[in-house]
N, C-alpha and C. Protein backbone atom coordinates (compact mmCIF):
# COMPACT_ATOMS: atom_id res chain seq x y z
N MET A 1 -12.85 -6.53 0.97
CA MET A 1 -13.00 -6.51 0.43
C MET A 1 -12.38 -4.99 -0.50
N TYR A 2 -12.56 -4.14 -1.49
CA TYR A 2 -12.03 -3.47 -2.33
C TYR A 2 -12.60 -2.21 -1.87
N PRO A 3 -12.02 -1.60 -1.86
CA PRO A 3 -12.99 0.71 -1.76
C PRO A 3 -13.17 0.54 -2.16
N SER A 4 -14.77 1.67 -2.43
CA SER A 4 -15.27 1.96 -3.74
C SER A 4 -14.07 3.36 -4.35
N SER A 5 -14.47 3.24 -5.60
CA SER A 5 -13.95 4.08 -6.25
C SER A 5 -13.18 5.32 -5.93
N ALA A 6 -14.58 6.12 -4.91
CA ALA A 6 -14.05 7.14 -4.61
C ALA A 6 -13.30 7.31 -3.49
N LEU A 7 -13.31 6.12 -2.93
CA LEU A 7 -11.93 6.03 -1.60
C LEU A 7 -10.87 5.81 -2.38
N LEU A 8 -10.62 4.97 -3.31
CA LEU A 8 -9.40 5.46 -3.58
C LEU A 8 -8.98 6.54 -4.12
N VAL A 9 -9.98 7.11 -4.70
CA VAL A 9 -9.58 8.79 -5.67
C VAL A 9 -9.14 9.37 -3.89
N PHE A 10 -9.81 9.18 -3.01
CA PHE A 10 -9.56 10.17 -1.62
C PHE A 10 -8.32 9.61 -1.19
N VAL A 11 -7.94 8.32 -1.85
CA VAL A 11 -6.27 7.91 -0.81
C VAL A 11 -5.11 8.44 -1.72
N LEU A 12 -5.41 8.17 -2.86
CA LEU A 12 -4.65 9.32 -3.84
C LEU A 12 -4.43 10.45 -3.32
N ALA A 13 -5.49 11.75 -3.17
CA ALA A 13 -5.36 12.85 -3.30
C ALA A 13 -4.69 12.95 -2.40
N SER A 14 -4.94 11.78 -0.37
CA SER A 14 -4.47 11.94 0.31
C SER A 14 -2.49 12.37 0.40
N ILE A 15 -2.40 11.24 -0.37
CA ILE A 15 -0.59 11.11 -1.03
C ILE A 15 -0.39 12.12 -1.77
N GLU A 16 -1.07 12.95 -2.40
CA GLU A 16 -0.41 13.71 -3.35
C GLU A 16 -0.73 15.22 -2.46
N PHE A 17 -0.98 15.09 -1.53
CA PHE A 17 -1.60 16.63 -0.74
C PHE A 17 -0.15 16.94 0.50
N THR A 18 0.44 15.46 0.80
CA THR A 18 0.78 15.21 1.57
C THR A 18 2.67 15.90 0.75
N ILE A 19 2.49 15.83 -0.06
CA ILE A 19 3.99 16.36 -1.09
C ILE A 19 3.59 17.80 -1.18
N ILE A 20 2.25 18.24 -1.73
CA ILE A 20 1.45 19.60 -2.21
C ILE A 20 1.93 20.67 -0.33
N GLY A 21 1.38 20.03 0.25
CA GLY A 21 1.57 20.80 1.96
C GLY A 21 2.29 20.61 2.66
N ALA A 22 3.46 19.94 2.26
CA ALA A 22 4.58 19.40 3.31
C ALA A 22 4.70 20.39 4.56
N SER A 23 4.09 21.46 4.70
CA SER A 23 4.42 22.10 5.65
C SER A 23 3.39 21.71 6.87
N ALA A 24 2.04 21.30 6.50
CA ALA A 24 1.15 21.15 6.94
C ALA A 24 0.97 19.53 7.61
N VAL A 25 2.02 18.78 7.55
CA VAL A 25 2.14 17.23 7.61
C VAL A 25 2.68 17.45 8.89
N PRO A 26 1.77 16.94 10.05
CA PRO A 26 2.81 16.93 11.44
C PRO A 26 3.71 15.91 11.75
N VAL A 27 4.95 15.75 11.90
CA VAL A 27 5.49 14.63 11.99
C VAL A 27 5.72 14.04 13.77
N ALA A 28 5.84 12.80 14.25
CA ALA A 28 5.59 12.81 15.90
C ALA A 28 7.00 12.43 15.67
N ALA A 29 7.17 12.98 17.30
CA ALA A 29 8.58 13.16 18.02
C ALA A 29 8.86 12.09 18.17
N ALA A 30 8.56 10.67 18.67
CA ALA A 30 9.16 9.86 18.71
C ALA A 30 8.66 8.74 17.89
N PRO A 31 9.85 7.31 17.68
CA PRO A 31 9.05 6.10 16.80
C PRO A 31 7.90 5.59 17.51
N ALA A 32 6.59 5.31 16.82
CA ALA A 32 5.96 4.64 17.06
C ALA A 32 6.47 3.33 17.67
N PRO A 33 5.71 2.66 18.73
CA PRO A 33 6.03 1.14 19.07
C PRO A 33 5.29 0.20 18.11
N VAL A 34 6.25 -1.04 18.09
CA VAL A 34 5.76 -1.81 17.29
C VAL A 34 4.50 -2.15 17.46
N THR A 35 3.91 -2.49 15.88
CA THR A 35 2.31 -2.27 16.80
C THR A 35 2.02 -3.70 15.25
N ALA A 36 1.50 -4.91 15.94
CA ALA A 36 1.15 -6.04 14.88
C ALA A 36 -0.39 -5.80 14.50
N GLY A 37 -0.27 -6.51 13.10
CA GLY A 37 -1.73 -6.71 12.89
C GLY A 37 -1.70 -7.88 11.87
N THR A 38 -2.77 -7.94 11.33
CA THR A 38 -3.24 -9.27 10.89
C THR A 38 -2.80 -9.26 9.03
N ASP A 39 -2.54 -7.98 8.87
CA ASP A 39 -2.52 -7.55 7.27
C ASP A 39 -0.88 -6.03 7.62
N HIS A 40 -0.53 -5.70 8.69
CA HIS A 40 0.43 -4.96 8.78
C HIS A 40 1.01 -5.21 9.97
N TRP A 41 2.51 -3.98 9.62
CA TRP A 41 3.01 -4.22 11.25
C TRP A 41 3.90 -2.67 10.68
N CYS A 42 3.86 -2.06 12.05
CA CYS A 42 4.56 -1.21 12.44
C CYS A 42 5.64 -0.97 13.24
N GLY A 43 6.50 -0.32 13.22
CA GLY A 43 7.96 -0.27 14.42
C GLY A 43 9.07 0.44 13.78
N ALA A 44 9.98 0.67 14.99
CA ALA A 44 10.81 1.41 15.23
C ALA A 44 12.05 0.66 14.03
N TRP A 45 12.06 -0.32 13.96
CA TRP A 45 12.72 -1.17 12.38
C TRP A 45 12.71 -0.56 11.45
N ALA A 46 11.70 0.16 11.08
CA ALA A 46 11.47 1.23 9.61
C ALA A 46 12.04 2.24 10.16
N GLY A 47 11.86 2.84 11.19
CA GLY A 47 12.83 4.71 10.97
C GLY A 47 11.16 5.17 11.01
N ARG A 48 11.77 6.10 10.66
CA ARG A 48 10.69 7.35 10.68
C ARG A 48 10.81 8.50 9.74
N PRO A 49 10.01 7.57 8.48
CA PRO A 49 10.01 8.48 6.95
C PRO A 49 9.21 9.24 7.05
N ASN A 50 9.31 10.70 7.54
CA ASN A 50 8.90 11.98 6.59
C ASN A 50 7.56 12.22 5.91
N PRO A 51 6.44 12.16 6.50
CA PRO A 51 5.18 11.79 5.58
C PRO A 51 5.21 13.02 4.55
N SER A 52 5.92 13.95 4.75
CA SER A 52 5.79 15.05 3.42
C SER A 52 6.65 14.68 2.84
N ASP A 53 7.89 14.18 2.09
CA ASP A 53 8.23 13.13 1.32
C ASP A 53 7.83 11.49 0.81
N VAL A 54 7.38 11.24 1.29
CA VAL A 54 5.91 9.91 0.74
C VAL A 54 6.36 10.20 -1.40
N VAL A 55 6.52 9.16 -1.41
CA VAL A 55 6.76 8.77 -2.90
C VAL A 55 5.47 9.15 -3.54
N GLY A 56 5.42 9.91 -4.27
CA GLY A 56 3.94 10.44 -5.34
C GLY A 56 3.76 9.52 -6.01
N PRO A 57 2.27 9.44 -6.72
CA PRO A 57 1.95 8.52 -7.70
C PRO A 57 2.55 9.08 -8.78
N GLN A 58 3.26 10.04 -9.06
CA GLN A 58 4.33 10.60 -10.10
C GLN A 58 5.19 9.52 -10.55
N GLN A 59 6.14 9.23 -9.30
CA GLN A 59 6.98 8.43 -9.26
C GLN A 59 6.55 6.71 -9.40
N LEU A 60 5.20 6.22 -9.04
CA LEU A 60 4.97 4.78 -8.70
C LEU A 60 4.58 4.68 -9.72
N PRO A 61 4.54 3.86 -10.47
CA PRO A 61 3.85 2.72 -11.79
C PRO A 61 2.03 3.38 -11.76
N PRO A 62 1.65 3.50 -13.15
CA PRO A 62 0.20 4.26 -13.26
C PRO A 62 -0.42 3.28 -12.55
N TYR A 63 -1.69 4.12 -11.54
CA TYR A 63 -2.80 3.33 -10.73
C TYR A 63 -3.48 2.52 -11.61
N ASP A 64 -4.19 1.38 -12.17
CA ASP A 64 -4.67 1.32 -12.71
C ASP A 64 -4.85 -0.72 -12.51
N PHE A 65 -5.75 -1.14 -12.99
CA PHE A 65 -6.38 -2.86 -12.37
C PHE A 65 -6.63 -3.77 -12.86
N THR A 66 -5.21 -3.72 -14.16
CA THR A 66 -4.86 -4.92 -14.95
C THR A 66 -4.45 -5.70 -13.89
N ARG A 67 -5.07 -7.13 -14.43
CA ARG A 67 -4.17 -7.90 -13.64
C ARG A 67 -2.13 -8.34 -14.30
N ARG A 68 -1.27 -8.52 -13.42
CA ARG A 68 -0.18 -8.76 -13.82
C ARG A 68 0.26 -10.27 -12.73
N PHE A 69 1.25 -10.21 -13.29
CA PHE A 69 2.08 -11.59 -12.89
C PHE A 69 3.16 -10.81 -12.21
N PHE A 70 3.48 -11.29 -11.33
CA PHE A 70 4.69 -10.48 -10.36
C PHE A 70 5.79 -11.78 -9.88
N VAL A 71 6.75 -11.33 -10.03
CA VAL A 71 7.73 -12.36 -10.15
C VAL A 71 9.17 -12.10 -9.27
N GLU A 72 9.64 -13.38 -8.59
CA GLU A 72 10.81 -12.91 -7.84
C GLU A 72 12.32 -13.91 -8.90
N PRO A 73 12.67 -13.63 -9.77
CA PRO A 73 13.33 -15.03 -10.08
C PRO A 73 14.47 -15.64 -9.35
N GLN A 74 14.94 -14.70 -8.84
CA GLN A 74 15.99 -15.79 -7.74
C GLN A 74 15.73 -16.56 -6.40
N LEU A 75 14.15 -15.94 -5.92
CA LEU A 75 13.29 -17.00 -5.09
C LEU A 75 12.67 -18.20 -5.65
N GLN A 76 12.60 -18.32 -6.67
CA GLN A 76 11.63 -19.44 -7.26
C GLN A 76 12.33 -20.29 -6.48
N ARG A 77 11.59 -21.53 -6.67
CA ARG A 77 12.23 -23.16 -6.47
C ARG A 77 13.16 -23.52 -7.03
N VAL A 78 13.12 -23.70 -8.21
CA VAL A 78 14.70 -23.32 -9.26
C VAL A 78 14.72 -21.90 -9.98
N PRO A 79 16.36 -21.37 -9.45
CA PRO A 79 15.91 -20.00 -9.32
C PRO A 79 16.04 -19.61 -10.97
N PHE A 80 15.89 -18.81 -11.36
CA PHE A 80 15.57 -17.72 -12.67
C PHE A 80 14.69 -18.80 -13.87
N ALA A 81 13.98 -19.89 -13.66
CA ALA A 81 13.54 -20.72 -14.25
C ALA A 81 12.63 -19.89 -15.08
N PRO A 82 12.24 -20.58 -16.28
CA PRO A 82 11.59 -19.38 -17.38
C PRO A 82 10.05 -19.83 -16.84
N VAL A 83 9.25 -18.26 -16.67
CA VAL A 83 8.10 -18.17 -16.38
C VAL A 83 7.03 -17.86 -17.44
N VAL A 84 6.29 -18.64 -17.55
CA VAL A 84 4.67 -18.71 -18.45
C VAL A 84 3.79 -17.96 -17.70
N ALA A 85 3.09 -17.20 -18.13
CA ALA A 85 2.35 -16.36 -17.59
C ALA A 85 1.81 -15.57 -19.35
N THR A 86 -0.12 -15.42 -18.95
CA THR A 86 -0.78 -14.63 -20.16
C THR A 86 -0.70 -13.62 -19.46
N GLU A 87 -0.72 -12.93 -18.08
CA GLU A 87 -0.87 -11.55 -17.68
C GLU A 87 0.66 -11.15 -18.21
N PRO A 88 0.93 -9.41 -18.22
CA PRO A 88 2.04 -8.59 -18.00
C PRO A 88 3.21 -9.20 -17.08
N LYS A 89 4.19 -9.64 -17.14
CA LYS A 89 5.34 -9.81 -16.48
C LYS A 89 5.76 -8.89 -15.17
N ILE A 90 6.30 -8.69 -14.11
CA ILE A 90 6.86 -7.74 -13.45
C ILE A 90 7.38 -8.56 -12.36
N GLN A 91 8.94 -7.46 -12.50
CA GLN A 91 9.91 -8.44 -11.49
C GLN A 91 10.04 -7.61 -10.33
N VAL A 92 9.89 -8.45 -9.14
CA VAL A 92 10.59 -7.85 -8.13
C VAL A 92 11.49 -8.36 -7.28
N PRO A 93 12.15 -7.03 -6.34
CA PRO A 93 11.69 -6.37 -5.43
C PRO A 93 11.62 -5.09 -6.67
N LYS A 94 10.72 -4.11 -6.15
CA LYS A 94 11.01 -2.55 -6.63
C LYS A 94 10.75 -1.65 -5.99
N LEU A 95 11.47 -0.75 -6.10
CA LEU A 95 12.27 -0.04 -4.68
C LEU A 95 12.09 1.55 -5.65
N TRP A 96 11.71 2.89 -4.67
CA TRP A 96 11.39 3.40 -5.12
C TRP A 96 11.93 5.05 -3.81
N GLY A 97 12.21 6.04 -3.85
CA GLY A 97 12.57 6.96 -2.79
C GLY A 97 12.42 8.30 -3.07
N ASN A 98 12.17 9.20 -2.50
CA ASN A 98 12.37 10.53 -2.34
C ASN A 98 12.87 11.02 -1.00
N ASN A 99 13.88 12.10 -1.25
CA ASN A 99 15.09 12.20 0.39
C ASN A 99 14.85 11.36 0.65
N ASN A 100 14.28 11.20 1.97
CA ASN A 100 14.68 9.92 2.99
C ASN A 100 13.65 8.85 3.22
N PHE A 101 12.89 8.93 2.13
CA PHE A 101 11.83 8.33 2.35
C PHE A 101 11.65 7.19 1.27
N ARG A 102 11.83 5.85 1.53
CA ARG A 102 12.16 4.72 0.79
C ARG A 102 10.69 3.54 0.95
N VAL A 103 10.44 3.44 -0.30
CA VAL A 103 9.31 2.74 -0.73
C VAL A 103 9.67 1.19 -1.71
N ALA A 104 9.63 0.11 -1.00
CA ALA A 104 9.60 -1.47 -1.46
C ALA A 104 8.47 -2.22 -1.54
N LEU A 105 8.86 -2.60 -2.41
CA LEU A 105 7.65 -3.93 -3.06
C LEU A 105 8.33 -5.36 -3.07
N MET A 106 7.68 -5.93 -2.05
CA MET A 106 8.97 -7.10 -1.87
C MET A 106 7.67 -8.56 -2.23
N THR A 107 8.82 -9.77 -2.28
CA THR A 107 7.51 -10.95 -1.86
C THR A 107 7.66 -11.02 -0.53
N TYR A 108 6.76 -11.77 -0.24
CA TYR A 108 5.78 -11.89 1.25
C TYR A 108 6.50 -13.37 1.90
N ALA A 109 6.80 -13.75 2.83
CA ALA A 109 7.37 -14.89 3.30
C ALA A 109 6.86 -15.14 4.70
N GLN A 110 6.82 -16.05 4.91
CA GLN A 110 6.43 -16.50 6.06
C GLN A 110 7.35 -17.52 6.99
N SER A 111 7.68 -17.58 8.15
CA SER A 111 8.04 -18.49 8.88
C SER A 111 7.39 -19.46 8.88
N SER A 112 6.34 -19.33 9.43
CA SER A 112 5.97 -20.76 9.98
C SER A 112 4.25 -20.73 9.40
N PRO A 113 4.13 -21.93 9.08
CA PRO A 113 5.29 -22.56 8.22
C PRO A 113 6.08 -22.00 6.85
N ALA A 114 7.10 -22.42 6.78
CA ALA A 114 8.46 -21.72 6.32
C ALA A 114 7.44 -21.66 4.48
N ARG A 115 7.48 -20.34 4.15
CA ARG A 115 6.96 -20.34 3.06
C ARG A 115 7.49 -19.34 2.41
N VAL A 116 8.07 -19.26 0.81
CA VAL A 116 7.90 -17.72 -0.29
C VAL A 116 7.45 -17.73 -1.43
N TYR A 117 6.89 -16.43 -1.30
CA TYR A 117 5.84 -16.49 -2.57
C TYR A 117 6.27 -15.70 -3.39
N ALA A 118 6.97 -16.60 -4.44
CA ALA A 118 7.78 -15.89 -5.36
C ALA A 118 7.39 -15.85 -6.64
N SER A 119 6.11 -15.90 -6.67
CA SER A 119 5.60 -15.54 -8.16
C SER A 119 3.80 -15.25 -7.71
N SER A 120 3.67 -14.25 -8.31
CA SER A 120 1.77 -14.01 -7.69
C SER A 120 1.35 -13.37 -8.69
N LYS A 121 -0.54 -12.79 -8.26
CA LYS A 121 -0.76 -11.92 -9.66
C LYS A 121 -1.70 -10.85 -9.20
N SER A 122 -1.75 -9.87 -9.01
CA SER A 122 -2.15 -8.27 -8.24
C SER A 122 -1.75 -7.61 -9.70
N ARG A 123 -2.42 -6.63 -8.75
CA ARG A 123 -2.52 -5.05 -9.56
C ARG A 123 -1.94 -4.03 -8.42
N TRP A 124 -1.57 -3.28 -9.63
CA TRP A 124 -0.92 -1.74 -9.70
C TRP A 124 -1.75 -1.12 -8.93
N ALA A 125 -3.17 -1.00 -8.70
CA ALA A 125 -4.22 -0.37 -7.87
C ALA A 125 -4.13 -0.82 -6.52
N ASP A 126 -3.52 -2.18 -6.24
CA ASP A 126 -3.38 -3.04 -4.89
C ASP A 126 -2.53 -2.24 -4.05
N VAL A 127 -1.55 -2.24 -5.04
CA VAL A 127 -0.52 -1.60 -4.55
C VAL A 127 -0.04 -0.41 -3.38
N HIS A 128 -0.80 0.52 -4.23
CA HIS A 128 -1.09 1.71 -4.31
C HIS A 128 -2.32 1.93 -3.29
N HIS A 129 -3.21 1.12 -2.95
CA HIS A 129 -4.12 0.71 -1.79
C HIS A 129 -3.41 0.66 -0.46
N ALA A 130 -2.77 -0.34 -0.53
CA ALA A 130 -2.06 -0.87 0.48
C ALA A 130 -0.75 0.16 0.83
N LEU A 131 -0.34 0.96 0.02
CA LEU A 131 0.38 1.79 0.03
C LEU A 131 -0.01 2.92 1.16
N GLY A 132 -1.41 3.84 0.79
CA GLY A 132 -1.99 4.88 1.32
C GLY A 132 -2.77 3.72 2.69
N HIS A 133 -2.88 2.73 3.04
CA HIS A 133 -3.25 2.07 4.39
C HIS A 133 -2.15 2.41 4.87
N LEU A 134 -0.95 2.05 4.56
CA LEU A 134 0.34 2.19 5.73
C LEU A 134 1.09 3.64 5.82
N MET A 135 0.65 4.74 4.68
CA MET A 135 0.78 6.02 5.41
C MET A 135 -0.08 6.42 6.46
N ASN A 136 -1.41 5.75 6.50
CA ASN A 136 -2.31 6.19 6.82
C ASN A 136 -2.12 5.79 8.72
N ASP A 137 -1.76 4.20 8.88
CA ASP A 137 -1.83 3.51 9.75
C ASP A 137 -0.02 2.98 10.23
N CYS A 138 0.30 3.92 9.88
CA CYS A 138 2.23 3.59 9.94
C CYS A 138 3.10 4.93 9.94
N VAL A 139 2.86 5.71 8.96
CA VAL A 139 3.79 6.54 8.92
C VAL A 139 3.80 7.75 9.59
N ASN A 140 2.04 7.77 9.14
CA ASN A 140 1.64 9.35 9.68
C ASN A 140 1.58 9.10 11.66
N LYS A 141 1.84 8.18 11.82
CA LYS A 141 1.66 7.76 13.33
C LYS A 141 3.12 8.26 14.31
N GLY A 142 4.19 7.89 13.02
CA GLY A 142 5.39 8.57 13.62
C GLY A 142 6.13 7.10 13.26
N SER A 143 5.83 6.19 12.54
CA SER A 143 7.17 5.44 11.93
C SER A 143 6.60 4.53 10.92
N GLY A 144 7.90 3.86 10.08
CA GLY A 144 7.53 3.24 9.17
C GLY A 144 6.67 1.73 9.25
N GLY A 145 6.45 1.33 8.20
CA GLY A 145 6.12 -0.32 8.09
C GLY A 145 6.02 -1.35 7.25
N ALA A 146 5.37 -2.07 7.47
CA ALA A 146 4.80 -2.98 5.95
C ALA A 146 3.47 -3.28 6.71
N TYR A 147 3.13 -3.06 4.92
CA TYR A 147 1.55 -3.58 4.59
C TYR A 147 1.38 -5.11 3.29
N LEU A 148 0.43 -5.98 3.67
CA LEU A 148 0.53 -6.61 2.47
C LEU A 148 -0.48 -5.94 1.42
N VAL A 149 -0.45 -6.64 0.38
CA VAL A 149 -0.97 -6.14 -0.94
C VAL A 149 -2.42 -7.06 -0.72
N LEU A 150 -3.53 -6.56 -1.31
CA LEU A 150 -4.61 -7.61 -1.49
C LEU A 150 -3.73 -8.63 -2.55
N PRO A 151 -4.52 -10.05 -2.55
CA PRO A 151 -4.62 -10.54 -3.33
C PRO A 151 -5.23 -10.23 -4.40
N SER A 152 -5.11 -10.92 -6.05
CA SER A 152 -6.07 -10.49 -7.07
C SER A 152 -7.28 -10.93 -6.93
N PRO A 153 -8.29 -10.40 -7.97
CA PRO A 153 -9.97 -11.22 -7.89
C PRO A 153 -9.61 -12.34 -7.62
N GLY A 154 -10.65 -13.19 -7.33
CA GLY A 154 -10.37 -14.52 -7.28
C GLY A 154 -9.34 -15.22 -6.47
N LEU A 155 -8.54 -14.83 -6.12
CA LEU A 155 -7.64 -15.25 -4.92
C LEU A 155 -7.54 -14.78 -3.92
N THR A 156 -7.02 -15.61 -2.99
CA THR A 156 -7.32 -15.36 -0.90
C THR A 156 -6.07 -15.21 -0.86
N GLN A 157 -4.67 -15.51 -1.05
CA GLN A 157 -3.58 -15.33 -0.32
C GLN A 157 -2.59 -13.99 -0.88
N SER A 158 -2.53 -13.21 0.32
CA SER A 158 -1.57 -12.22 -0.22
C SER A 158 -0.35 -12.66 -0.81
N THR A 159 0.79 -12.51 -1.53
CA THR A 159 1.80 -12.51 -1.64
C THR A 159 2.80 -11.30 -2.17
N LEU A 160 2.33 -10.38 -1.78
CA LEU A 160 3.26 -8.90 -1.73
C LEU A 160 3.00 -8.69 -0.62
N VAL A 161 3.95 -7.24 -0.37
CA VAL A 161 4.54 -6.72 1.20
C VAL A 161 4.93 -5.50 0.38
N VAL A 162 4.34 -3.84 0.63
CA VAL A 162 5.11 -3.16 0.46
C VAL A 162 5.03 -2.72 1.97
N TYR A 163 6.69 -1.89 1.79
CA TYR A 163 7.58 -1.45 2.97
C TYR A 163 7.27 0.60 2.90
N ALA A 164 7.19 0.76 3.68
CA ALA A 164 7.68 2.45 3.64
C ALA A 164 8.95 2.86 4.85
N TYR A 165 9.97 2.76 4.61
CA TYR A 165 11.09 2.94 5.68
C TYR A 165 11.83 4.09 5.37
N GLU A 166 12.55 4.77 6.49
CA GLU A 166 13.44 5.66 6.14
C GLU A 166 14.83 5.42 5.92
N ALA A 167 15.93 5.90 4.87
CA ALA A 167 17.35 6.07 4.76
C ALA A 167 17.91 5.39 5.73
N GLY A 168 18.60 4.55 5.84
CA GLY A 168 19.47 4.38 7.06
C GLY A 168 18.83 3.67 8.14
N SER A 169 17.77 3.29 8.15
CA SER A 169 17.05 2.83 9.03
C SER A 169 17.62 1.24 8.95
N GLN A 170 17.23 1.00 9.97
CA GLN A 170 17.48 -0.70 10.43
C GLN A 170 16.54 -1.61 9.71
N PHE A 171 15.78 -0.97 8.77
CA PHE A 171 15.36 -1.71 7.59
C PHE A 171 16.28 -1.38 6.29
N ASP A 172 16.47 -0.37 6.04
CA ASP A 172 17.22 -0.10 5.19
C ASP A 172 18.87 -1.01 5.00
N PHE A 173 19.38 -1.59 6.00
CA PHE A 173 20.27 -2.43 5.97
C PHE A 173 19.76 -3.56 6.09
N GLN A 174 18.61 -3.73 6.40
CA GLN A 174 17.75 -5.74 6.14
C GLN A 174 18.01 -5.03 4.25
N ILE A 175 17.24 -4.08 3.91
CA ILE A 175 17.46 -4.34 2.39
C ILE A 175 18.93 -4.44 1.71
N ASN A 176 19.90 -3.31 2.39
CA ASN A 176 21.31 -3.88 1.53
C ASN A 176 21.77 -5.41 1.64
N TYR A 177 21.38 -5.68 2.78
CA TYR A 177 21.69 -7.16 2.71
C TYR A 177 20.96 -8.16 1.51
N TYR A 178 20.04 -7.94 1.72
CA TYR A 178 19.10 -9.00 0.80
C TYR A 178 19.78 -9.03 -0.36
N MET A 179 19.81 -7.81 -0.77
CA MET A 179 20.04 -7.28 -2.59
C MET A 179 22.02 -8.13 -2.80
N THR A 180 22.95 -8.47 -1.65
CA THR A 180 23.60 -9.77 -2.00
C THR A 180 23.58 -11.06 -1.45
N ASN A 181 22.07 -10.89 -0.60
CA ASN A 181 21.90 -12.62 -0.32
C ASN A 181 20.80 -12.78 -0.11
N PRO A 182 20.11 -12.87 -1.66
CA PRO A 182 18.36 -12.68 -1.37
C PRO A 182 17.80 -14.42 -0.79
N HIS A 183 16.57 -13.05 0.33
CA HIS A 183 16.05 -14.16 0.87
C HIS A 183 14.76 -13.77 1.07
N GLY A 184 13.68 -14.63 1.92
CA GLY A 184 12.72 -14.31 2.00
C GLY A 184 12.40 -13.32 3.55
N ILE A 185 11.78 -12.65 3.52
CA ILE A 185 11.87 -11.48 4.24
C ILE A 185 10.02 -12.03 5.17
N ASP A 186 10.10 -12.26 6.37
CA ASP A 186 8.70 -12.15 6.86
C ASP A 186 8.64 -10.59 7.91
N PRO A 187 7.53 -10.01 7.79
CA PRO A 187 7.48 -9.01 8.13
C PRO A 187 6.63 -9.10 9.48
N SER A 188 6.06 -9.84 9.91
CA SER A 188 5.63 -10.06 11.46
C SER A 188 6.96 -10.15 11.86
N LYS A 189 8.16 -10.84 11.17
CA LYS A 189 9.43 -11.27 12.58
C LYS A 189 10.46 -9.92 12.55
N LEU A 190 10.19 -8.52 11.95
CA LEU A 190 10.95 -7.36 12.10
C LEU A 190 10.85 -7.21 13.42
N ALA A 191 11.94 -7.11 13.88
CA ALA A 191 12.77 -6.57 15.36
C ALA A 191 13.48 -4.97 15.63
N PRO A 192 12.48 -4.32 16.84
CA PRO A 192 13.31 -3.80 16.98
C PRO A 192 15.26 -3.53 17.06
N GLY A 193 15.75 -4.89 17.41
CA GLY A 193 16.83 -4.57 17.85
C GLY A 193 17.93 -4.87 16.97
N LEU A 194 17.19 -5.06 15.88
CA LEU A 194 17.95 -5.20 14.16
C LEU A 194 19.52 -4.23 14.45
N THR A 195 20.56 -4.56 14.02
CA THR A 195 21.88 -3.77 13.58
C THR A 195 22.22 -4.52 12.56
N ALA A 196 23.07 -3.69 11.67
CA ALA A 196 23.70 -4.00 10.45
C ALA A 196 24.57 -5.41 11.24
N ALA A 197 25.25 -5.51 12.33
CA ALA A 197 26.34 -6.29 12.29
C ALA A 197 25.61 -8.09 12.29
N ASN A 198 24.04 -7.55 12.84
CA ASN A 198 23.57 -8.54 12.73
C ASN A 198 22.49 -9.24 11.88
N VAL A 199 22.43 -8.65 11.19
CA VAL A 199 20.88 -8.21 10.06
C VAL A 199 20.63 -9.33 9.27
N SER A 200 21.71 -10.56 8.91
CA SER A 200 21.09 -11.67 8.49
C SER A 200 20.66 -12.41 9.90
N SER A 201 20.44 -12.37 11.27
CA SER A 201 19.83 -13.43 11.77
C SER A 201 18.60 -12.10 12.66
N SER A 202 18.45 -11.02 12.18
CA SER A 202 17.43 -10.52 12.56
C SER A 202 15.70 -10.26 12.65
N ALA A 203 15.83 -10.90 11.19
CA ALA A 203 14.32 -11.28 11.14
C ALA A 203 14.29 -12.79 9.96
N ALA A 204 13.30 -13.23 10.38
CA ALA A 204 12.77 -14.99 9.45
C ALA A 204 13.21 -14.54 8.15
N ILE A 205 14.76 -15.55 7.93
CA ILE A 205 14.91 -16.07 6.75
C ILE A 205 14.56 -16.97 6.22
N VAL A 206 13.57 -16.97 4.96
CA VAL A 206 13.00 -17.99 5.22
C VAL A 206 13.35 -18.84 4.02
N THR A 207 14.01 -19.90 3.68
CA THR A 207 14.30 -20.59 2.08
C THR A 207 13.01 -22.15 1.88
N VAL A 208 12.63 -21.71 0.85
CA VAL A 208 11.99 -23.63 0.47
C VAL A 208 12.36 -24.22 -0.52
């Protein structure tokens, strides 16, 4: 169910407050344990991004309800095949940063059964919504994490994931590896044991 307009405004206002009132936002003393859910995953693998450094609305795309076609060309069944869509096209991944706070919008992958959702339809409002939940459920409790983006109205499958993580964290190494060897990342399989030397096997690398 989509939140009311009043709740959406509150989520954005909360994000803006963390930027303006930096000293008022407490930071947990230690990373939260790995927390799994059906739509989000928090853990030490994402480090401890400081809530006061959250990427703000002025850096992210406009908060609107226009349905867009998100595609990751290199992960398509036929890589870089022409994309035919009536909606405005957005290429992922998208990365944003402020100080040591990082946000990534990436393709969702499942390791069982092996699926990579290389194209999808969603809205920037849904991305903002997922980031707001990620702040409440992970970042403000002491660790980064990942949150599924709601599917576009009329669809049932989430196909995008928003990550909030700390620069230099284990997931940051995963992103660096991903940039030279694109692959589907299953957020439910990310583990605290991730190291730079073992980055290729630390998360489910899904190919279809």
